[in-house]
Amino acid sequence: MLVLYYDCFAGISGDMNLGTMLDLGVDSQCLLKELGKLPIDSYKIKFYRDKRGGITGTKFEVVPSLKKSSSRRKLQERNYRDVTKLIRQSKLSANVQKISLDIFTRLAEAEGKIHGCKINDVHFHELGAIDSIIDIVGAAVCLDYLKVDKIISSPIQLGSGIIHCSHGTLPVPAPATAEILKGIPVKTGLVPFEATTPTGAAIIAATVSTFKEKIDFTPKKIGYGLGSKDSSVPNVLRLF
């Protein structure tokens, strides 16, 4: 049995997840080819080796390239209905589409409940829309590539403090993150910032079948994906 174990000791975000997947051995050209099947083009992708707290890993970045005002308006108008249509009309495989839609639905349901709107009206704000689409569809592509039999995770570190976003000032965990992770073991307070984002939470909630802290398997490969924060605790996600 091939098992994927998420060690979320410092949290998880969409970009950390993709960095870890590449570090673990997912073929970068395969990922880029599959993401190229999405009918969006106002972004560029960068990934490179770097360090956080002395740990070397892979940093993944989505770089928006909005040169035309029409592109910006189109990006701002994307809601859950738009995103699901975009995925269904792509040439991605049926399995990648299914995983992507499962993750996006978790995210949209939580956002809709928190902000009091119907799921189809949930908006993925401005530049975050591109990030969310790439991070979530990319996660689905990587899981399809790995062909794992089971996905396990440690308890999820959420961090602490407050965040500033399009909805104003919010506590950590963000309300959507807390909603998505209901029924899932979590920890707080390790670092003074948002360690787990709504996208990272949705990836975990939609794909992980078992949560446990004890590792009782034989590791074959280990990958490290880097976040953007500097702290006394390495801002990395580890995958076994």
C-alpha atoms as a PDB file:
ATOM      1  CA  MET A   1       0.000   0.000   0.000  1.00  0.00           C
ATOM      2  CA  LEU A   2       1.281   3.457  -0.945  1.00  0.00           C
ATOM      3  CA  VAL A   3       0.553   5.985   1.809  1.00  0.00           C
ATOM      4  CA  LEU A   4       0.946   9.768   1.793  1.00  0.00           C
ATOM      5  CA  TYR A   5       1.384  11.325   5.244  1.00  0.00           C
ATOM      6  CA  TYR A   6       0.956  15.075   5.749  1.00  0.00           C
ATOM      7  CA  ASP A   7       3.058  16.342   8.648  1.00  0.00           C
ATOM      8  CA  CYS A   8       1.372  19.707   9.260  1.00  0.00           C
ATOM      9  CA  PHE A   9       3.464  20.642  12.300  1.00  0.00           C
ATOM     10  CA  ALA A  10       3.716  24.233  10.983  1.00  0.00           C
ATOM     11  CA  GLY A  11       0.415  24.334   9.082  1.00  0.00           C
ATOM     12  CA  ILE A  12      -0.464  24.074   5.408  1.00  0.00           C
ATOM     13  CA  SER A  13      -1.289  26.434   2.549  1.00  0.00           C
ATOM     14  CA  GLY A  14      -1.932  25.768  -1.125  1.00  0.00           C
ATOM     15  CA  ASP A  15       1.510  26.925  -2.238  1.00  0.00           C
ATOM     16  CA  MET A  16       3.271  25.006   0.541  1.00  0.00           C
ATOM     17  CA  ASN A  17       1.422  21.890  -0.586  1.00  0.00           C
ATOM     18  CA  LEU A  18       2.551  22.235  -4.202  1.00  0.00           C
ATOM     19  CA  GLY A  19       6.133  22.976  -3.164  1.00  0.00           C
ATOM     20  CA  THR A  20       6.118  19.822  -1.057  1.00  0.00           C
ATOM     21  CA  MET A  21       4.656  17.724  -3.858  1.00  0.00           C
ATOM     22  CA  LEU A  22       7.402  18.846  -6.241  1.00  0.00           C
ATOM     23  CA  ASP A  23      10.045  18.250  -3.569  1.00  0.00           C
ATOM     24  CA  LEU A  24       8.648  14.768  -3.010  1.00  0.00           C
ATOM     25  CA  GLY A  25       9.126  13.887  -6.658  1.00  0.00           C
ATOM     26  CA  VAL A  26       6.073  14.941  -8.672  1.00  0.00           C
ATOM     27  CA  ASP A  27       7.302  15.754 -12.187  1.00  0.00           C
ATOM     28  CA  SER A  28       7.258  19.539 -12.620  1.00  0.00           C
ATOM     29  CA  GLN A  29       6.699  19.356 -16.377  1.00  0.00           C
ATOM     30  CA  CYS A  30       3.679  17.108 -15.845  1.00  0.00           C
ATOM     31  CA  LEU A  31       2.239  19.594 -13.361  1.00  0.00           C
ATOM     32  CA  LEU A  32       2.783  22.541 -15.701  1.00  0.00           C
ATOM     33  CA  LYS A  33       1.333  20.630 -18.666  1.00  0.00           C
ATOM     34  CA  GLU A  34      -1.819  19.743 -16.753  1.00  0.00           C
ATOM     35  CA  LEU A  35      -2.270  23.253 -15.363  1.00  0.00           C
ATOM     36  CA  GLY A  36      -1.932  24.481 -18.949  1.00  0.00           C
ATOM     37  CA  LYS A  37      -5.235  22.738 -19.700  1.00  0.00           C
ATOM     38  CA  LEU A  38      -7.070  25.378 -17.689  1.00  0.00           C
ATOM     39  CA  PRO A  39      -8.441  28.237 -19.830  1.00  0.00           C
ATOM     40  CA  ILE A  40      -6.651  30.954 -17.859  1.00  0.00           C
ATOM     41  CA  ASP A  41      -3.419  32.678 -18.812  1.00  0.00           C
ATOM     42  CA  SER A  42      -2.963  35.704 -16.552  1.00  0.00           C
ATOM     43  CA  TYR A  43      -0.315  34.134 -14.334  1.00  0.00           C
ATOM     44  CA  LYS A  44       3.165  32.683 -14.253  1.00  0.00           C
ATOM     45  CA  ILE A  45       4.551  29.930 -12.042  1.00  0.00           C
ATOM     46  CA  LYS A  46       7.894  29.915 -10.254  1.00  0.00           C
ATOM     47  CA  PHE A  47       9.405  27.177  -8.122  1.00  0.00           C
ATOM     48  CA  TYR A  48      12.895  27.083  -6.718  1.00  0.00           C
ATOM     49  CA  ARG A  49      15.051  25.690  -3.923  1.00  0.00           C
ATOM     50  CA  ASP A  50      15.321  27.743  -0.754  1.00  0.00           C
ATOM     51  CA  LYS A  51      15.579  27.411   3.026  1.00  0.00           C
ATOM     52  CA  ARG A  52      13.365  28.070   6.026  1.00  0.00           C
ATOM     53  CA  GLY A  53      14.908  27.690   9.465  1.00  0.00           C
ATOM     54  CA  GLY A  54      17.809  25.669   8.103  1.00  0.00           C
ATOM     55  CA  ILE A  55      15.552  23.243   6.197  1.00  0.00           C
ATOM     56  CA  THR A  56      16.001  23.101   2.429  1.00  0.00           C
ATOM     57  CA  GLY A  57      12.898  22.584   0.343  1.00  0.00           C
ATOM     58  CA  THR A  58      10.910  23.831  -2.641  1.00  0.00           C
ATOM     59  CA  LYS A  59       9.124  27.190  -2.801  1.00  0.00           C
ATOM     60  CA  PHE A  60       6.161  27.392  -5.183  1.00  0.00           C
ATOM     61  CA  GLU A  61       4.768  30.750  -6.298  1.00  0.00           C
ATOM     62  CA  VAL A  62       1.922  31.896  -8.518  1.00  0.00           C
ATOM     63  CA  VAL A  63       2.773  35.282 -10.010  1.00  0.00           C
ATOM     64  CA  PRO A  64      -0.243  37.167 -11.469  1.00  0.00           C
ATOM     65  CA  SER A  65       0.411  39.027 -14.727  1.00  0.00           C
ATOM     66  CA  LEU A  66      -2.621  41.273 -15.161  1.00  0.00           C
ATOM     67  CA  LYS A  67      -1.767  43.605 -17.999  1.00  0.00           C
ATOM     68  CA  LYS A  68      -5.246  44.396 -19.280  1.00  0.00           C
ATOM     69  CA  SER A  69      -8.089  45.961 -17.352  1.00  0.00           C
ATOM     70  CA  SER A  70     -10.506  43.466 -18.964  1.00  0.00           C
ATOM     71  CA  SER A  71      -8.464  40.617 -17.487  1.00  0.00           C
ATOM     72  CA  ARG A  72      -8.621  42.248 -14.063  1.00  0.00           C
ATOM     73  CA  ARG A  73     -12.405  42.684 -14.283  1.00  0.00           C
ATOM     74  CA  LYS A  74     -12.864  39.087 -15.401  1.00  0.00           C
ATOM     75  CA  LEU A  75     -10.702  37.882 -12.524  1.00  0.00           C
ATOM     76  CA  GLN A  76     -12.659  39.873  -9.937  1.00  0.00           C
ATOM     77  CA  GLU A  77     -15.980  38.485 -11.189  1.00  0.00           C
ATOM     78  CA  ARG A  78     -15.111  34.812 -10.735  1.00  0.00           C
ATOM     79  CA  ASN A  79     -17.385  33.020  -8.299  1.00  0.00           C
ATOM     80  CA  TYR A  80     -17.883  29.359  -7.388  1.00  0.00           C
ATOM     81  CA  ARG A  81     -20.144  28.756 -10.392  1.00  0.00           C
ATOM     82  CA  ASP A  82     -17.548  30.263 -12.740  1.00  0.00           C
ATOM     83  CA  VAL A  83     -14.736  28.167 -11.277  1.00  0.00           C
ATOM     84  CA  THR A  84     -16.644  24.873 -11.453  1.00  0.00           C
ATOM     85  CA  LYS A  85     -17.585  25.598 -15.067  1.00  0.00           C
ATOM     86  CA  LEU A  86     -13.957  26.408 -15.879  1.00  0.00           C
ATOM     87  CA  ILE A  87     -12.784  23.080 -14.419  1.00  0.00           C
ATOM     88  CA  ARG A  88     -15.542  20.985 -16.041  1.00  0.00           C
ATOM     89  CA  GLN A  89     -14.902  22.493 -19.469  1.00  0.00           C
ATOM     90  CA  SER A  90     -11.146  21.906 -19.275  1.00  0.00           C
ATOM     91  CA  LYS A  91      -9.316  18.910 -20.761  1.00  0.00           C
ATOM     92  CA  LEU A  92      -8.207  17.709 -17.335  1.00  0.00           C
ATOM     93  CA  SER A  93      -8.861  14.044 -16.593  1.00  0.00           C
ATOM     94  CA  ALA A  94     -12.084  13.013 -14.870  1.00  0.00           C
ATOM     95  CA  ASN A  95     -10.217  12.134 -11.665  1.00  0.00           C
ATOM     96  CA  VAL A  96      -8.372  15.470 -11.522  1.00  0.00           C
ATOM     97  CA  GLN A  97     -11.649  17.295 -12.112  1.00  0.00           C
ATOM     98  CA  LYS A  98     -13.360  15.319  -9.343  1.00  0.00           C
ATOM     99  CA  ILE A  99     -10.630  15.991  -6.767  1.00  0.00           C
ATOM    100  CA  SER A 100     -10.482  19.675  -7.750  1.00  0.00           C
ATOM    101  CA  LEU A 101     -14.241  20.121  -7.421  1.00  0.00           C
ATOM    102  CA  ASP A 102     -14.326  18.267  -4.083  1.00  0.00           C
ATOM    103  CA  ILE A 103     -11.723  20.675  -2.680  1.00  0.00           C
ATOM    104  CA  PHE A 104     -13.329  23.801  -4.149  1.00  0.00           C
ATOM    105  CA  THR A 105     -16.738  22.754  -2.827  1.00  0.00           C
ATOM    106  CA  ARG A 106     -15.372  22.426   0.723  1.00  0.00           C
ATOM    107  CA  LEU A 107     -13.911  25.911   0.434  1.00  0.00           C
ATOM    108  CA  ALA A 108     -17.020  27.494  -1.095  1.00  0.00           C
ATOM    109  CA  GLU A 109     -19.423  25.874   1.368  1.00  0.00           C
ATOM    110  CA  ALA A 110     -17.440  27.226   4.293  1.00  0.00           C
ATOM    111  CA  GLU A 111     -17.118  30.716   2.811  1.00  0.00           C
ATOM    112  CA  GLY A 112     -20.830  30.751   1.995  1.00  0.00           C
ATOM    113  CA  LYS A 113     -21.820  29.766   5.518  1.00  0.00           C
ATOM    114  CA  ILE A 114     -19.505  32.297   7.152  1.00  0.00           C
ATOM    115  CA  HIS A 115     -20.520  35.198   4.922  1.00  0.00           C
ATOM    116  CA  GLY A 116     -24.202  34.305   4.601  1.00  0.00           C
ATOM    117  CA  CYS A 117     -24.512  33.681   0.878  1.00  0.00           C
ATOM    118  CA  LYS A 118     -25.394  30.820  -1.446  1.00  0.00           C
ATOM    119  CA  ILE A 119     -22.516  28.612  -2.561  1.00  0.00           C
ATOM    120  CA  ASN A 120     -22.811  29.655  -6.223  1.00  0.00           C
ATOM    121  CA  ASP A 121     -22.429  33.300  -5.198  1.00  0.00           C
ATOM    122  CA  VAL A 122     -19.200  32.811  -3.242  1.00  0.00           C
ATOM    123  CA  HIS A 123     -16.501  34.984  -4.828  1.00  0.00           C
ATOM    124  CA  PHE A 124     -12.799  34.225  -4.917  1.00  0.00           C
ATOM    125  CA  HIS A 125     -11.527  37.747  -4.509  1.00  0.00           C
ATOM    126  CA  GLU A 126      -9.262  39.359  -7.103  1.00  0.00           C
ATOM    127  CA  LEU A 127      -5.758  37.873  -7.240  1.00  0.00           C
ATOM    128  CA  GLY A 128      -6.763  35.172  -4.776  1.00  0.00           C
ATOM    129  CA  ALA A 129      -8.927  33.611  -7.469  1.00  0.00           C
ATOM    130  CA  ILE A 130      -5.898  32.698  -9.570  1.00  0.00           C
ATOM    131  CA  ASP A 131      -3.995  31.418  -6.531  1.00  0.00           C
ATOM    132  CA  SER A 132      -6.927  29.294  -5.400  1.00  0.00           C
ATOM    133  CA  ILE A 133      -7.487  27.757  -8.821  1.00  0.00           C
ATOM    134  CA  ILE A 134      -3.820  26.915  -9.373  1.00  0.00           C
ATOM    135  CA  ASP A 135      -3.276  25.645  -5.828  1.00  0.00           C
ATOM    136  CA  ILE A 136      -6.377  23.444  -5.813  1.00  0.00           C
ATOM    137  CA  VAL A 137      -6.203  22.059  -9.343  1.00  0.00           C
ATOM    138  CA  GLY A 138      -2.446  21.623  -8.863  1.00  0.00           C
ATOM    139  CA  ALA A 139      -3.090  19.607  -5.690  1.00  0.00           C
ATOM    140  CA  ALA A 140      -5.479  17.367  -7.632  1.00  0.00           C
ATOM    141  CA  VAL A 141      -2.954  16.883 -10.445  1.00  0.00           C
ATOM    142  CA  CYS A 142      -0.244  15.902  -7.951  1.00  0.00           C
ATOM    143  CA  LEU A 143      -2.449  13.419  -6.101  1.00  0.00           C
ATOM    144  CA  ASP A 144      -3.510  11.857  -9.391  1.00  0.00           C
ATOM    145  CA  TYR A 145       0.157  11.630 -10.416  1.00  0.00           C
ATOM    146  CA  LEU A 146       1.218   9.922  -7.172  1.00  0.00           C
ATOM    147  CA  LYS A 147      -1.558   7.276  -7.312  1.00  0.00           C
ATOM    148  CA  VAL A 148      -1.533   6.842  -3.528  1.00  0.00           C
ATOM    149  CA  ASP A 149      -3.814   4.305  -1.842  1.00  0.00           C
ATOM    150  CA  LYS A 150      -4.351   6.264   1.366  1.00  0.00           C
ATOM    151  CA  ILE A 151      -3.753   9.778   2.668  1.00  0.00           C
ATOM    152  CA  ILE A 152      -3.113  10.389   6.378  1.00  0.00           C
ATOM    153  CA  SER A 153      -2.381  13.612   8.235  1.00  0.00           C
ATOM    154  CA  SER A 154      -1.103  14.783  11.578  1.00  0.00           C
ATOM    155  CA  PRO A 155      -3.232  17.259  13.569  1.00  0.00           C
ATOM    156  CA  ILE A 156      -3.243  20.628  11.786  1.00  0.00           C
ATOM    157  CA  GLN A 157      -1.333  23.566  13.277  1.00  0.00           C
ATOM    158  CA  LEU A 158      -3.389  26.748  12.846  1.00  0.00           C
ATOM    159  CA  GLY A 159      -1.087  29.412  14.302  1.00  0.00           C
ATOM    160  CA  SER A 160      -2.405  32.436  16.213  1.00  0.00           C
ATOM    161  CA  GLY A 161      -3.016  36.183  16.023  1.00  0.00           C
ATOM    162  CA  ILE A 162      -5.077  38.149  13.499  1.00  0.00           C
ATOM    163  CA  ILE A 163      -5.105  38.552   9.717  1.00  0.00           C
ATOM    164  CA  HIS A 164      -6.116  41.394   7.419  1.00  0.00           C
ATOM    165  CA  CYS A 165      -8.036  40.431   4.269  1.00  0.00           C
ATOM    166  CA  SER A 166     -10.821  41.618   1.953  1.00  0.00           C
ATOM    167  CA  HIS A 167     -13.368  40.952   4.712  1.00  0.00           C
ATOM    168  CA  GLY A 168     -11.487  43.083   7.245  1.00  0.00           C
ATOM    169  CA  THR A 169      -9.601  42.027  10.359  1.00  0.00           C
ATOM    170  CA  LEU A 170     -10.204  38.405  11.337  1.00  0.00           C
ATOM    171  CA  PRO A 171      -8.942  36.061  14.054  1.00  0.00           C
ATOM    172  CA  VAL A 172      -6.650  33.108  13.408  1.00  0.00           C
ATOM    173  CA  PRO A 173      -7.819  30.623  12.394  1.00  0.00           C
ATOM    174  CA  ALA A 174      -9.855  32.488   9.795  1.00  0.00           C
ATOM    175  CA  PRO A 175     -13.564  31.641  10.207  1.00  0.00           C
ATOM    176  CA  ALA A 176     -13.599  29.714   6.909  1.00  0.00           C
ATOM    177  CA  THR A 177     -10.567  27.666   7.998  1.00  0.00           C
ATOM    178  CA  ALA A 178     -12.247  26.836  11.313  1.00  0.00           C
ATOM    179  CA  GLU A 179     -15.445  25.845   9.514  1.00  0.00           C
ATOM    180  CA  ILE A 180     -13.630  23.585   7.028  1.00  0.00           C
ATOM    181  CA  LEU A 181     -11.691  21.817   9.776  1.00  0.00           C
ATOM    182  CA  LYS A 182     -14.684  20.956  11.980  1.00  0.00           C
ATOM    183  CA  GLY A 183     -14.268  17.361  13.148  1.00  0.00           C
ATOM    184  CA  ILE A 184     -10.534  17.367  12.357  1.00  0.00           C
ATOM    185  CA  PRO A 185      -7.869  17.485  15.120  1.00  0.00           C
ATOM    186  CA  VAL A 186      -6.105  20.849  15.265  1.00  0.00           C
ATOM    187  CA  LYS A 187      -3.523  22.699  17.332  1.00  0.00           C
ATOM    188  CA  THR A 188      -2.995  26.430  17.870  1.00  0.00           C
ATOM    189  CA  GLY A 189      -0.395  28.870  19.100  1.00  0.00           C
ATOM    190  CA  LEU A 190       2.872  27.497  17.745  1.00  0.00           C
ATOM    191  CA  VAL A 191       3.547  30.598  15.612  1.00  0.00           C
ATOM    192  CA  PRO A 192       2.168  34.185  15.749  1.00  0.00           C
ATOM    193  CA  PHE A 193       0.558  34.160  12.291  1.00  0.00           C
ATOM    194  CA  GLU A 194      -1.905  32.258  10.086  1.00  0.00           C
ATOM    195  CA  ALA A 195      -0.225  28.866   9.678  1.00  0.00           C
ATOM    196  CA  THR A 196      -3.100  27.177   7.834  1.00  0.00           C
ATOM    197  CA  THR A 197      -5.094  28.961   5.127  1.00  0.00           C
ATOM    198  CA  PRO A 198      -8.630  28.114   3.968  1.00  0.00           C
ATOM    199  CA  THR A 199      -7.203  26.575   0.788  1.00  0.00           C
ATOM    200  CA  GLY A 200      -4.767  24.421   2.746  1.00  0.00           C
ATOM    201  CA  ALA A 201      -7.572  23.368   5.090  1.00  0.00           C
ATOM    202  CA  ALA A 202      -9.833  22.448   2.163  1.00  0.00           C
ATOM    203  CA  ILE A 203      -7.119  20.282   0.568  1.00  0.00           C
ATOM    204  CA  ILE A 204      -6.738  18.371   3.834  1.00  0.00           C
ATOM    205  CA  ALA A 205     -10.477  18.063   4.536  1.00  0.00           C
ATOM    206  CA  ALA A 206     -11.302  16.790   1.041  1.00  0.00           C
ATOM    207  CA  THR A 207      -8.490  14.261   0.621  1.00  0.00           C
ATOM    208  CA  VAL A 208      -7.346  12.902   4.009  1.00  0.00           C
ATOM    209  CA  SER A 209      -9.067   9.784   5.358  1.00  0.00           C
ATOM    210  CA  THR A 210      -7.269   9.357   8.704  1.00  0.00           C
ATOM    211  CA  PHE A 211      -5.692  11.705  11.244  1.00  0.00           C
ATOM    212  CA  LYS A 212      -3.012  10.571  13.673  1.00  0.00           C
ATOM    213  CA  GLU A 213       0.174  11.921  15.154  1.00  0.00           C
ATOM    214  CA  LYS A 214       2.121   8.694  15.449  1.00  0.00           C
ATOM    215  CA  ILE A 215       4.039   7.540  12.375  1.00  0.00           C
ATOM    216  CA  ASP A 216       3.867   3.754  12.103  1.00  0.00           C
ATOM    217  CA  PHE A 217       5.022   3.112   8.548  1.00  0.00           C
ATOM    218  CA  THR A 218       8.311   2.901   6.662  1.00  0.00           C
ATOM    219  CA  PRO A 219       9.141   6.242   4.971  1.00  0.00           C
ATOM    220  CA  LYS A 220      10.335   5.896   1.359  1.00  0.00           C
ATOM    221  CA  LYS A 221      10.496   9.560   0.332  1.00  0.00           C
ATOM    222  CA  ILE A 222      10.244  12.869   2.185  1.00  0.00           C
ATOM    223  CA  GLY A 223       9.464  16.277   0.708  1.00  0.00           C
ATOM    224  CA  TYR A 224       9.552  19.807   2.145  1.00  0.00           C
ATOM    225  CA  GLY A 225       7.457  22.702   0.844  1.00  0.00           C
ATOM    226  CA  LEU A 226       8.326  26.208   1.994  1.00  0.00           C
ATOM    227  CA  GLY A 227       6.009  28.946   3.169  1.00  0.00           C
ATOM    228  CA  SER A 228       6.670  32.689   3.048  1.00  0.00           C
ATOM    229  CA  LYS A 229       7.053  33.398   6.763  1.00  0.00           C
ATOM    230  CA  ASP A 230      10.208  33.640   8.881  1.00  0.00           C
ATOM    231  CA  SER A 231       9.884  32.473  12.459  1.00  0.00           C
ATOM    232  CA  SER A 232      11.625  30.428  15.135  1.00  0.00           C
ATOM    233  CA  VAL A 233       9.719  27.386  13.837  1.00  0.00           C
ATOM    234  CA  PRO A 234      10.571  26.460  10.208  1.00  0.00           C
ATOM    235  CA  ASN A 235       7.655  27.540   7.998  1.00  0.00           C
ATOM    236  CA  VAL A 236       7.529  24.282   6.064  1.00  0.00           C
ATOM    237  CA  LEU A 237       5.129  21.482   5.243  1.00  0.00           C
ATOM    238  CA  ARG A 238       6.539  17.964   5.307  1.00  0.00           C
ATOM    239  CA  LEU A 239       5.264  15.000   3.332  1.00  0.00           C
ATOM    240  CA  PHE A 240       6.239  11.379   3.886  1.00  0.00           C
END
